[in-house]
Amino acid sequence: VTSKAGTDLSVAMEGASTVGIWGWCDRPGSVAHWPAGLVVSFPKAG
């Protein structure tokens, strides 16, 4: 992740848990939230 403001970030993604939320849950055991429309990853330690 970089930016003109000075961001220069590196994230190791191997082993990360990634979820996407589109705003509804139509399958057993699924979870969603409203408002939605985003994707997030929880990286492993370090």
All heavy atoms as atom14 arrays in JSON, in Angstrom:
{
  "sequence": "VTSKAGTDLSVAMEGASTVGIWGWCDRPGSVAHWPAGLVVSFPKAG",
  "atom14_mask": [
    [1, 1, 1, 1, 1, 1, 1, 0, 0, 0, 0, 0, 0, 0],
    [1, 1, 1, 1, 1, 1, 1, 0, 0, 0, 0, 0, 0, 0],
    [1, 1, 1, 1, 1, 1, 0, 0, 0, 0, 0, 0, 0, 0],
    [1, 1, 1, 1, 1, 1, 1, 1, 1, 0, 0, 0, 0, 0],
    [1, 1, 1, 1, 1, 0, 0, 0, 0, 0, 0, 0, 0, 0],
    [1, 1, 1, 1, 0, 0, 0, 0, 0, 0, 0, 0, 0, 0],
    [1, 1, 1, 1, 1, 1, 1, 0, 0, 0, 0, 0, 0, 0],
    [1, 1, 1, 1, 1, 1, 1, 1, 0, 0, 0, 0, 0, 0],
    [1, 1, 1, 1, 1, 1, 1, 1, 0, 0, 0, 0, 0, 0],
    [1, 1, 1, 1, 1, 1, 0, 0, 0, 0, 0, 0, 0, 0],
    [1, 1, 1, 1, 1, 1, 1, 0, 0, 0, 0, 0, 0, 0],
    [1, 1, 1, 1, 1, 0, 0, 0, 0, 0, 0, 0, 0, 0],
    [1, 1, 1, 1, 1, 1, 1, 1, 0, 0, 0, 0, 0, 0],
    [1, 1, 1, 1, 1, 1, 1, 1, 1, 0, 0, 0, 0, 0],
    [1, 1, 1, 1, 0, 0, 0, 0, 0, 0, 0, 0, 0, 0],
    [1, 1, 1, 1, 1, 0, 0, 0, 0, 0, 0, 0, 0, 0],
    [1, 1, 1, 1, 1, 1, 0, 0, 0, 0, 0, 0, 0, 0],
    [1, 1, 1, 1, 1, 1, 1, 0, 0, 0, 0, 0, 0, 0],
    [1, 1, 1, 1, 1, 1, 1, 0, 0, 0, 0, 0, 0, 0],
    [1, 1, 1, 1, 0, 0, 0, 0, 0, 0, 0, 0, 0, 0],
    [1, 1, 1, 1, 1, 1, 1, 1, 0, 0, 0, 0, 0, 0],
    [1, 1, 1, 1, 1, 1, 1, 1, 1, 1, 1, 1, 1, 1],
    [1, 1, 1, 1, 0, 0, 0, 0, 0, 0, 0, 0, 0, 0],
    [1, 1, 1, 1, 1, 1, 1, 1, 1, 1, 1, 1, 1, 1],
    [1, 1, 1, 1, 1, 1, 0, 0, 0, 0, 0, 0, 0, 0],
    [1, 1, 1, 1, 1, 1, 1, 1, 0, 0, 0, 0, 0, 0],
    [1, 1, 1, 1, 1, 1, 1, 1, 1, 1, 1, 0, 0, 0],
    [1, 1, 1, 1, 1, 1, 1, 0, 0, 0, 0, 0, 0, 0],
    [1, 1, 1, 1, 0, 0, 0, 0, 0, 0, 0, 0, 0, 0],
    [1, 1, 1, 1, 1, 1, 0, 0, 0, 0, 0, 0, 0, 0],
    [1, 1, 1, 1, 1, 1, 1, 0, 0, 0, 0, 0, 0, 0],
    [1, 1, 1, 1, 1, 0, 0, 0, 0, 0, 0, 0, 0, 0],
    [1, 1, 1, 1, 1, 1, 1, 1, 1, 1, 0, 0, 0, 0],
    [1, 1, 1, 1, 1, 1, 1, 1, 1, 1, 1, 1, 1, 1],
    [1, 1, 1, 1, 1, 1, 1, 0, 0, 0, 0, 0, 0, 0],
    [1, 1, 1, 1, 1, 0, 0, 0, 0, 0, 0, 0, 0, 0],
    [1, 1, 1, 1, 0, 0, 0, 0, 0, 0, 0, 0, 0, 0],
    [1, 1, 1, 1, 1, 1, 1, 1, 0, 0, 0, 0, 0, 0],
    [1, 1, 1, 1, 1, 1, 1, 0, 0, 0, 0, 0, 0, 0],
    [1, 1, 1, 1, 1, 1, 1, 0, 0, 0, 0, 0, 0, 0],
    [1, 1, 1, 1, 1, 1, 0, 0, 0, 0, 0, 0, 0, 0],
    [1, 1, 1, 1, 1, 1, 1, 1, 1, 1, 1, 0, 0, 0],
    [1, 1, 1, 1, 1, 1, 1, 0, 0, 0, 0, 0, 0, 0],
    [1, 1, 1, 1, 1, 1, 1, 1, 1, 0, 0, 0, 0, 0],
    [1, 1, 1, 1, 1, 0, 0, 0, 0, 0, 0, 0, 0, 0],
    [1, 1, 1, 1, 0, 0, 0, 0, 0, 0, 0, 0, 0, 0]
  ],
  "atom14_positions": [
    [[0.86, -1.18, 0.0], [0.0, 0.0, 0.0], [0.89, 1.23, 0.0], [1.76, 1.38, 0.88], [-0.93, 0.03, 1.23], [-1.92, 1.19, 1.12], [-1.67, -1.29, 1.39], [0.0, 0.0, 0.0], [0.0, 0.0, 0.0], [0.0, 0.0, 0.0], [0.0, 0.0, 0.0], [0.0, 0.0, 0.0], [0.0, 0.0, 0.0], [0.0, 0.0, 0.0]],
    [[0.71, 2.09, -0.99], [1.49, 3.32, -1.09], [0.56, 4.49, -1.35], [-0.58, 4.31, -1.79], [2.53, 3.23, -2.22], [1.85, 2.99, -3.46], [3.53, 2.11, -1.97], [0.0, 0.0, 0.0], [0.0, 0.0, 0.0], [0.0, 0.0, 0.0], [0.0, 0.0, 0.0], [0.0, 0.0, 0.0], [0.0, 0.0, 0.0], [0.0, 0.0, 0.0]],
    [[1.07, 5.69, -1.08], [0.27, 6.9, -1.37], [1.19, 8.09, -1.52], [2.33, 8.08, -1.05], [-0.75, 7.17, -0.26], [-0.11, 7.7, 0.89], [0.0, 0.0, 0.0], [0.0, 0.0, 0.0], [0.0, 0.0, 0.0], [0.0, 0.0, 0.0], [0.0, 0.0, 0.0], [0.0, 0.0, 0.0], [0.0, 0.0, 0.0], [0.0, 0.0, 0.0]],
    [[0.69, 9.14, -2.16], [1.45, 10.37, -2.32], [1.67, 11.05, -0.97], [2.6, 11.85, -0.82], [0.72, 11.3, -3.28], [0.66, 10.76, -4.71], [-0.16, 11.66, -5.62], [-0.25, 11.06, -7.03], [-1.11, 11.87, -7.93], [0.0, 0.0, 0.0], [0.0, 0.0, 0.0], [0.0, 0.0, 0.0], [0.0, 0.0, 0.0], [0.0, 0.0, 0.0]],
    [[0.82, 10.74, 0.01], [0.99, 11.32, 1.34], [2.15, 10.71, 2.09], [2.59, 11.26, 3.11], [-0.3, 11.15, 2.15], [0.0, 0.0, 0.0], [0.0, 0.0, 0.0], [0.0, 0.0, 0.0], [0.0, 0.0, 0.0], [0.0, 0.0, 0.0], [0.0, 0.0, 0.0], [0.0, 0.0, 0.0], [0.0, 0.0, 0.0], [0.0, 0.0, 0.0]],
    [[2.65, 9.55, 1.64], [3.8, 8.93, 2.27], [3.59, 7.54, 2.81], [4.51, 6.95, 3.4], [0.0, 0.0, 0.0], [0.0, 0.0, 0.0], [0.0, 0.0, 0.0], [0.0, 0.0, 0.0], [0.0, 0.0, 0.0], [0.0, 0.0, 0.0], [0.0, 0.0, 0.0], [0.0, 0.0, 0.0], [0.0, 0.0, 0.0], [0.0, 0.0, 0.0]],
    [[2.42, 6.97, 2.6], [2.2, 5.58, 3.03], [3.09, 4.64, 2.24], [3.21, 4.75, 1.01], [0.72, 5.18, 2.84], [-0.07, 5.89, 3.79], [0.52, 3.69, 3.06], [0.0, 0.0, 0.0], [0.0, 0.0, 0.0], [0.0, 0.0, 0.0], [0.0, 0.0, 0.0], [0.0, 0.0, 0.0], [0.0, 0.0, 0.0], [0.0, 0.0, 0.0]],
    [[3.73, 3.72, 2.94], [4.54, 2.69, 2.31], [4.47, 1.47, 3.23], [5.27, 1.31, 4.15], [5.98, 3.16, 2.14], [6.82, 2.17, 1.31], [6.26, 1.14, 0.89], [8.01, 2.44, 1.1], [0.0, 0.0, 0.0], [0.0, 0.0, 0.0], [0.0, 0.0, 0.0], [0.0, 0.0, 0.0], [0.0, 0.0, 0.0], [0.0, 0.0, 0.0]],
    [[3.49, 0.62, 2.97], [3.14, -0.47, 3.88], [3.24, -1.79, 3.14], [2.82, -1.91, 1.98], [1.71, -0.27, 4.38], [1.29, -0.85, 5.73], [2.11, -0.25, 6.86], [-0.2, -0.58, 5.95], [0.0, 0.0, 0.0], [0.0, 0.0, 0.0], [0.0, 0.0, 0.0], [0.0, 0.0, 0.0], [0.0, 0.0, 0.0], [0.0, 0.0, 0.0]],
    [[3.78, -2.8, 3.81], [3.82, -4.14, 3.24], [3.11, -5.1, 4.18], [3.27, -5.03, 5.4], [5.26, -4.6, 3.0], [5.96, -4.7, 4.22], [0.0, 0.0, 0.0], [0.0, 0.0, 0.0], [0.0, 0.0, 0.0], [0.0, 0.0, 0.0], [0.0, 0.0, 0.0], [0.0, 0.0, 0.0], [0.0, 0.0, 0.0], [0.0, 0.0, 0.0]],
    [[2.32, -6.01, 3.6], [1.54, -6.97, 4.37], [1.77, -8.35, 3.77], [1.47, -8.59, 2.6], [0.03, -6.64, 4.34], [-0.73, -7.6, 5.26], [-0.22, -5.2, 4.74], [0.0, 0.0, 0.0], [0.0, 0.0, 0.0], [0.0, 0.0, 0.0], [0.0, 0.0, 0.0], [0.0, 0.0, 0.0], [0.0, 0.0, 0.0], [0.0, 0.0, 0.0]],
    [[2.31, -9.26, 4.57], [2.43, -10.65, 4.14], [1.05, -11.3, 4.24], [0.44, -11.32, 5.3], [3.43, -11.38, 5.02], [0.0, 0.0, 0.0], [0.0, 0.0, 0.0], [0.0, 0.0, 0.0], [0.0, 0.0, 0.0], [0.0, 0.0, 0.0], [0.0, 0.0, 0.0], [0.0, 0.0, 0.0], [0.0, 0.0, 0.0], [0.0, 0.0, 0.0]],
    [[0.55, -11.83, 3.13], [-0.82, -12.31, 3.07], [-0.94, -13.82, 3.23], [-2.06, -14.33, 3.38], [-1.45, -11.89, 1.74], [-1.54, -10.39, 1.55], [-2.48, -9.57, 2.86], [-4.12, -10.2, 2.52], [0.0, 0.0, 0.0], [0.0, 0.0, 0.0], [0.0, 0.0, 0.0], [0.0, 0.0, 0.0], [0.0, 0.0, 0.0], [0.0, 0.0, 0.0]],
    [[0.15, -14.55, 3.23], [0.07, -15.99, 3.41], [-0.46, -16.3, 4.81], [0.05, -15.78, 5.81], [1.44, -16.62, 3.19], [1.91, -16.54, 1.75], [3.27, -17.18, 1.55], [3.88, -17.59, 2.56], [3.74, -17.24, 0.39], [0.0, 0.0, 0.0], [0.0, 0.0, 0.0], [0.0, 0.0, 0.0], [0.0, 0.0, 0.0], [0.0, 0.0, 0.0]],
    [[-1.5, -17.1, 4.87], [-2.11, -17.44, 6.14], [-3.12, -16.44, 6.65], [-3.73, -16.64, 7.72], [0.0, 0.0, 0.0], [0.0, 0.0, 0.0], [0.0, 0.0, 0.0], [0.0, 0.0, 0.0], [0.0, 0.0, 0.0], [0.0, 0.0, 0.0], [0.0, 0.0, 0.0], [0.0, 0.0, 0.0], [0.0, 0.0, 0.0], [0.0, 0.0, 0.0]],
    [[-3.35, -15.35, 5.91], [-4.36, -14.36, 6.32], [-5.76, -14.92, 6.13], [-6.01, -15.74, 5.23], [-4.2, -13.08, 5.52], [0.0, 0.0, 0.0], [0.0, 0.0, 0.0], [0.0, 0.0, 0.0], [0.0, 0.0, 0.0], [0.0, 0.0, 0.0], [0.0, 0.0, 0.0], [0.0, 0.0, 0.0], [0.0, 0.0, 0.0], [0.0, 0.0, 0.0]],
    [[-6.68, -14.46, 6.96], [-8.09, -14.81, 6.79], [-8.81, -13.64, 6.13], [-8.78, -12.52, 6.65], [-8.72, -15.11, 8.16], [-10.1, -15.39, 8.03], [0.0, 0.0, 0.0], [0.0, 0.0, 0.0], [0.0, 0.0, 0.0], [0.0, 0.0, 0.0], [0.0, 0.0, 0.0], [0.0, 0.0, 0.0], [0.0, 0.0, 0.0], [0.0, 0.0, 0.0]],
    [[-9.41, -13.89, 4.98], [-10.04, -12.83, 4.19], [-11.53, -13.07, 4.05], [-11.96, -14.2, 3.76], [-9.4, -12.75, 2.8], [-8.0, -12.48, 2.94], [-10.04, -11.65, 1.96], [0.0, 0.0, 0.0], [0.0, 0.0, 0.0], [0.0, 0.0, 0.0], [0.0, 0.0, 0.0], [0.0, 0.0, 0.0], [0.0, 0.0, 0.0], [0.0, 0.0, 0.0]],
    [[-12.3, -12.02, 4.25], [-13.75, -12.12, 4.11], [-14.25, -10.95, 3.26], [-13.68, -9.86, 3.29], [-14.48, -12.12, 5.48], [-14.14, -13.36, 6.26], [-14.14, -10.87, 6.28], [0.0, 0.0, 0.0], [0.0, 0.0, 0.0], [0.0, 0.0, 0.0], [0.0, 0.0, 0.0], [0.0, 0.0, 0.0], [0.0, 0.0, 0.0], [0.0, 0.0, 0.0]],
    [[-15.31, -11.19, 2.53], [-15.99, -10.15, 1.78], [-17.44, -10.04, 2.24], [-18.08, -11.06, 2.52], [0.0, 0.0, 0.0], [0.0, 0.0, 0.0], [0.0, 0.0, 0.0], [0.0, 0.0, 0.0], [0.0, 0.0, 0.0], [0.0, 0.0, 0.0], [0.0, 0.0, 0.0], [0.0, 0.0, 0.0], [0.0, 0.0, 0.0], [0.0, 0.0, 0.0]],
    [[-17.91, -8.82, 2.32], [-19.29, -8.58, 2.78], [-20.04, -7.85, 1.68], [-19.65, -6.75, 1.26], [-19.3, -7.73, 4.07], [-18.46, -8.38, 5.16], [-20.74, -7.54, 4.55], [-18.99, -9.69, 5.68], [0.0, 0.0, 0.0], [0.0, 0.0, 0.0], [0.0, 0.0, 0.0], [0.0, 0.0, 0.0], [0.0, 0.0, 0.0], [0.0, 0.0, 0.0]],
    [[-21.14, -8.48, 1.19], [-21.93, -7.84, 0.15], [-23.32, -7.46, 0.64], [-24.1, -6.9, -0.12], [-22.03, -8.73, -1.09], [-22.37, -10.17, -0.82], [-23.62, -10.69, -0.59], [-21.45, -11.26, -0.73], [-23.54, -12.05, -0.38], [-22.21, -12.43, -0.46], [-20.08, -11.38, -0.86], [-21.62, -13.69, -0.32], [-19.5, -12.63, -0.72], [-20.27, -13.76, -0.45]],
    [[-23.67, -7.76, 1.89], [-24.86, -7.15, 2.47], [-26.01, -8.06, 2.81], [-27.0, -7.6, 3.38], [0.0, 0.0, 0.0], [0.0, 0.0, 0.0], [0.0, 0.0, 0.0], [0.0, 0.0, 0.0], [0.0, 0.0, 0.0], [0.0, 0.0, 0.0], [0.0, 0.0, 0.0], [0.0, 0.0, 0.0], [0.0, 0.0, 0.0], [0.0, 0.0, 0.0]],
    [[-25.91, -9.35, 2.51], [-26.99, -10.25, 2.9], [-26.41, -11.65, 3.13], [-25.32, -11.98, 2.66], [-28.1, -10.28, 1.85], [-27.72, -10.9, 0.54], [-27.83, -12.21, 0.16], [-27.17, -10.23, -0.61], [-27.39, -12.4, -1.12], [-26.98, -11.21, -1.63], [-26.83, -8.91, -0.88], [-26.47, -10.89, -2.87], [-26.3, -8.59, -2.13], [-26.13, -9.58, -3.11]],
    [[-27.16, -12.46, 3.87], [-26.73, -13.83, 4.19], [-27.85, -14.78, 3.77], [-28.95, -14.73, 4.31], [-26.42, -13.96, 5.69], [-27.7, -13.3, 6.78], [0.0, 0.0, 0.0], [0.0, 0.0, 0.0], [0.0, 0.0, 0.0], [0.0, 0.0, 0.0], [0.0, 0.0, 0.0], [0.0, 0.0, 0.0], [0.0, 0.0, 0.0], [0.0, 0.0, 0.0]],
    [[-27.58, -15.61, 2.79], [-28.62, -16.5, 2.27], [-28.24, -17.97, 2.37], [-28.95, -18.83, 1.87], [-28.96, -16.14, 0.82], [-27.74, -16.17, -0.09], [-26.64, -16.55, 0.37], [-27.87, -15.79, -1.27], [0.0, 0.0, 0.0], [0.0, 0.0, 0.0], [0.0, 0.0, 0.0], [0.0, 0.0, 0.0], [0.0, 0.0, 0.0], [0.0, 0.0, 0.0]],
    [[-27.1, -18.27, 3.01], [-26.68, -19.65, 3.18], [-26.61, -20.0, 4.66], [-26.29, -19.14, 5.49], [-25.28, -19.86, 2.56], [-25.23, -19.73, 1.06], [-23.8, -19.83, 0.55], [-22.98, -18.69, 0.96], [-22.06, -18.73, 1.91], [-21.83, -19.85, 2.58], [-21.37, -17.66, 2.21], [0.0, 0.0, 0.0], [0.0, 0.0, 0.0], [0.0, 0.0, 0.0]],
    [[-26.92, -21.25, 5.04], [-26.83, -21.63, 6.45], [-25.45, -21.33, 7.03], [-24.42, -21.58, 6.39], [-27.09, -23.14, 6.42], [-27.9, -23.36, 5.18], [-27.38, -22.37, 4.18], [0.0, 0.0, 0.0], [0.0, 0.0, 0.0], [0.0, 0.0, 0.0], [0.0, 0.0, 0.0], [0.0, 0.0, 0.0], [0.0, 0.0, 0.0], [0.0, 0.0, 0.0]],
    [[-25.43, -20.74, 8.21], [-24.19, -20.44, 8.89], [-23.45, -19.23, 8.37], [-22.31, -18.96, 8.79], [0.0, 0.0, 0.0], [0.0, 0.0, 0.0], [0.0, 0.0, 0.0], [0.0, 0.0, 0.0], [0.0, 0.0, 0.0], [0.0, 0.0, 0.0], [0.0, 0.0, 0.0], [0.0, 0.0, 0.0], [0.0, 0.0, 0.0], [0.0, 0.0, 0.0]],
    [[-24.06, -18.45, 7.47], [-23.37, -17.28, 6.91], [-23.66, -16.04, 7.74], [-24.67, -15.95, 8.44], [-23.76, -17.06, 5.45], [-25.16, -16.87, 5.32], [0.0, 0.0, 0.0], [0.0, 0.0, 0.0], [0.0, 0.0, 0.0], [0.0, 0.0, 0.0], [0.0, 0.0, 0.0], [0.0, 0.0, 0.0], [0.0, 0.0, 0.0], [0.0, 0.0, 0.0]],
    [[-22.76, -15.06, 7.64], [-22.84, -13.82, 8.41], [-22.62, -12.66, 7.45], [-21.74, -12.71, 6.58], [-21.78, -13.78, 9.52], [-21.88, -12.48, 10.33], [-21.9, -14.99, 10.45], [0.0, 0.0, 0.0], [0.0, 0.0, 0.0], [0.0, 0.0, 0.0], [0.0, 0.0, 0.0], [0.0, 0.0, 0.0], [0.0, 0.0, 0.0], [0.0, 0.0, 0.0]],
    [[-23.41, -11.62, 7.6], [-23.25, -10.42, 6.77], [-23.62, -9.2, 7.58], [-24.2, -9.3, 8.66], [-24.12, -10.52, 5.52], [0.0, 0.0, 0.0], [0.0, 0.0, 0.0], [0.0, 0.0, 0.0], [0.0, 0.0, 0.0], [0.0, 0.0, 0.0], [0.0, 0.0, 0.0], [0.0, 0.0, 0.0], [0.0, 0.0, 0.0], [0.0, 0.0, 0.0]],
    [[-23.27, -8.04, 7.04], [-23.77, -6.81, 7.66], [-24.22, -5.83, 6.59], [-23.8, -5.89, 5.43], [-22.74, -6.18, 8.62], [-21.44, -5.75, 7.99], [-21.33, -4.67, 7.15], [-20.19, -6.25, 8.13], [-20.06, -4.51, 6.79], [-19.35, -5.47, 7.36], [0.0, 0.0, 0.0], [0.0, 0.0, 0.0], [0.0, 0.0, 0.0], [0.0, 0.0, 0.0]],
    [[-25.1, -4.96, 7.01], [-25.68, -3.91, 6.16], [-25.54, -2.59, 6.9], [-25.93, -2.52, 8.05], [-27.14, -4.26, 5.89], [-27.97, -3.2, 5.22], [-27.59, -2.28, 4.28], [-29.38, -2.96, 5.46], [-28.66, -1.5, 3.91], [-29.77, -1.89, 4.61], [-30.35, -3.54, 6.28], [-31.08, -1.39, 4.6], [-31.64, -3.05, 6.26], [-32.01, -1.98, 5.42]],
    [[-24.92, -1.56, 6.3], [-24.38, -1.43, 4.96], [-23.17, -2.34, 4.73], [-22.54, -2.78, 5.67], [-23.96, 0.04, 4.88], [-24.69, 0.73, 5.98], [-24.83, -0.29, 7.06], [0.0, 0.0, 0.0], [0.0, 0.0, 0.0], [0.0, 0.0, 0.0], [0.0, 0.0, 0.0], [0.0, 0.0, 0.0], [0.0, 0.0, 0.0], [0.0, 0.0, 0.0]],
    [[-22.87, -2.56, 3.44], [-21.83, -3.5, 3.08], [-21.06, -2.99, 1.87], [-21.17, -1.84, 1.49], [-22.44, -4.87, 2.81], [0.0, 0.0, 0.0], [0.0, 0.0, 0.0], [0.0, 0.0, 0.0], [0.0, 0.0, 0.0], [0.0, 0.0, 0.0], [0.0, 0.0, 0.0], [0.0, 0.0, 0.0], [0.0, 0.0, 0.0], [0.0, 0.0, 0.0]],
    [[-20.32, -3.92, 1.26], [-19.53, -3.59, 0.09], [-18.08, -3.34, 0.43], [-17.54, -2.27, 0.14], [0.0, 0.0, 0.0], [0.0, 0.0, 0.0], [0.0, 0.0, 0.0], [0.0, 0.0, 0.0], [0.0, 0.0, 0.0], [0.0, 0.0, 0.0], [0.0, 0.0, 0.0], [0.0, 0.0, 0.0], [0.0, 0.0, 0.0], [0.0, 0.0, 0.0]],
    [[-17.42, -4.34, 1.02], [-16.0, -4.21, 1.35], [-15.38, -5.58, 1.52], [-16.09, -6.57, 1.67], [-15.79, -3.38, 2.62], [-16.21, -3.95, 3.96], [-15.54, -3.19, 5.11], [-17.72, -3.89, 4.16], [0.0, 0.0, 0.0], [0.0, 0.0, 0.0], [0.0, 0.0, 0.0], [0.0, 0.0, 0.0], [0.0, 0.0, 0.0], [0.0, 0.0, 0.0]],
    [[-14.06, -5.61, 1.51], [-13.31, -6.84, 1.71], [-12.2, -6.54, 2.69], [-11.55, -5.5, 2.61], [-12.77, -7.37, 0.36], [-11.88, -6.36, -0.33], [-12.03, -8.68, 0.55], [0.0, 0.0, 0.0], [0.0, 0.0, 0.0], [0.0, 0.0, 0.0], [0.0, 0.0, 0.0], [0.0, 0.0, 0.0], [0.0, 0.0, 0.0], [0.0, 0.0, 0.0]],
    [[-12.01, -7.42, 3.68], [-10.97, -7.21, 4.69], [-10.23, -8.51, 4.95], [-10.78, -9.6, 4.83], [-11.56, -6.68, 6.02], [-12.15, -5.29, 5.85], [-12.58, -7.63, 6.6], [0.0, 0.0, 0.0], [0.0, 0.0, 0.0], [0.0, 0.0, 0.0], [0.0, 0.0, 0.0], [0.0, 0.0, 0.0], [0.0, 0.0, 0.0], [0.0, 0.0, 0.0]],
    [[-8.95, -8.35, 5.32], [-8.1, -9.49, 5.64], [-7.5, -9.3, 7.03], [-7.08, -8.2, 7.39], [-6.95, -9.61, 4.63], [-7.45, -9.87, 3.33], [0.0, 0.0, 0.0], [0.0, 0.0, 0.0], [0.0, 0.0, 0.0], [0.0, 0.0, 0.0], [0.0, 0.0, 0.0], [0.0, 0.0, 0.0], [0.0, 0.0, 0.0], [0.0, 0.0, 0.0]],
    [[-7.44, -10.41, 7.77], [-6.82, -10.43, 9.08], [-5.49, -11.19, 8.94], [-5.47, -12.41, 8.9], [-7.73, -11.13, 10.09], [-9.02, -10.4, 10.35], [-10.1, -10.56, 9.49], [-9.15, -9.56, 11.45], [-11.3, -9.88, 9.72], [-10.33, -8.89, 11.69], [-11.41, -9.04, 10.83], [0.0, 0.0, 0.0], [0.0, 0.0, 0.0], [0.0, 0.0, 0.0]],
    [[-4.38, -10.46, 8.85], [-3.09, -11.14, 8.64], [-2.67, -11.93, 9.87], [-3.03, -11.61, 11.0], [-2.12, -9.98, 8.37], [-2.99, -8.78, 8.09], [-4.25, -9.01, 8.86], [0.0, 0.0, 0.0], [0.0, 0.0, 0.0], [0.0, 0.0, 0.0], [0.0, 0.0, 0.0], [0.0, 0.0, 0.0], [0.0, 0.0, 0.0], [0.0, 0.0, 0.0]],
    [[-1.85, -12.96, 9.62], [-1.29, -13.7, 10.75], [-0.24, -12.82, 11.44], [0.18, -11.77, 10.92], [-0.68, -15.01, 10.27], [0.53, -14.87, 9.4], [1.08, -16.23, 9.0], [2.38, -16.09, 8.19], [2.93, -17.4, 7.8], [0.0, 0.0, 0.0], [0.0, 0.0, 0.0], [0.0, 0.0, 0.0], [0.0, 0.0, 0.0], [0.0, 0.0, 0.0]],
    [[0.21, -13.24, 12.61], [1.11, -12.44, 13.43], [2.41, -12.13, 12.69], [2.95, -12.96, 11.96], [1.4, -13.16, 14.75], [0.0, 0.0, 0.0], [0.0, 0.0, 0.0], [0.0, 0.0, 0.0], [0.0, 0.0, 0.0], [0.0, 0.0, 0.0], [0.0, 0.0, 0.0], [0.0, 0.0, 0.0], [0.0, 0.0, 0.0], [0.0, 0.0, 0.0]],
    [[2.9, -10.91, 12.89], [4.18, -10.5, 12.33], [4.17, -10.2, 10.86], [5.21, -10.26, 10.21], [0.0, 0.0, 0.0], [0.0, 0.0, 0.0], [0.0, 0.0, 0.0], [0.0, 0.0, 0.0], [0.0, 0.0, 0.0], [0.0, 0.0, 0.0], [0.0, 0.0, 0.0], [0.0, 0.0, 0.0], [0.0, 0.0, 0.0], [0.0, 0.0, 0.0]]
  ]
}
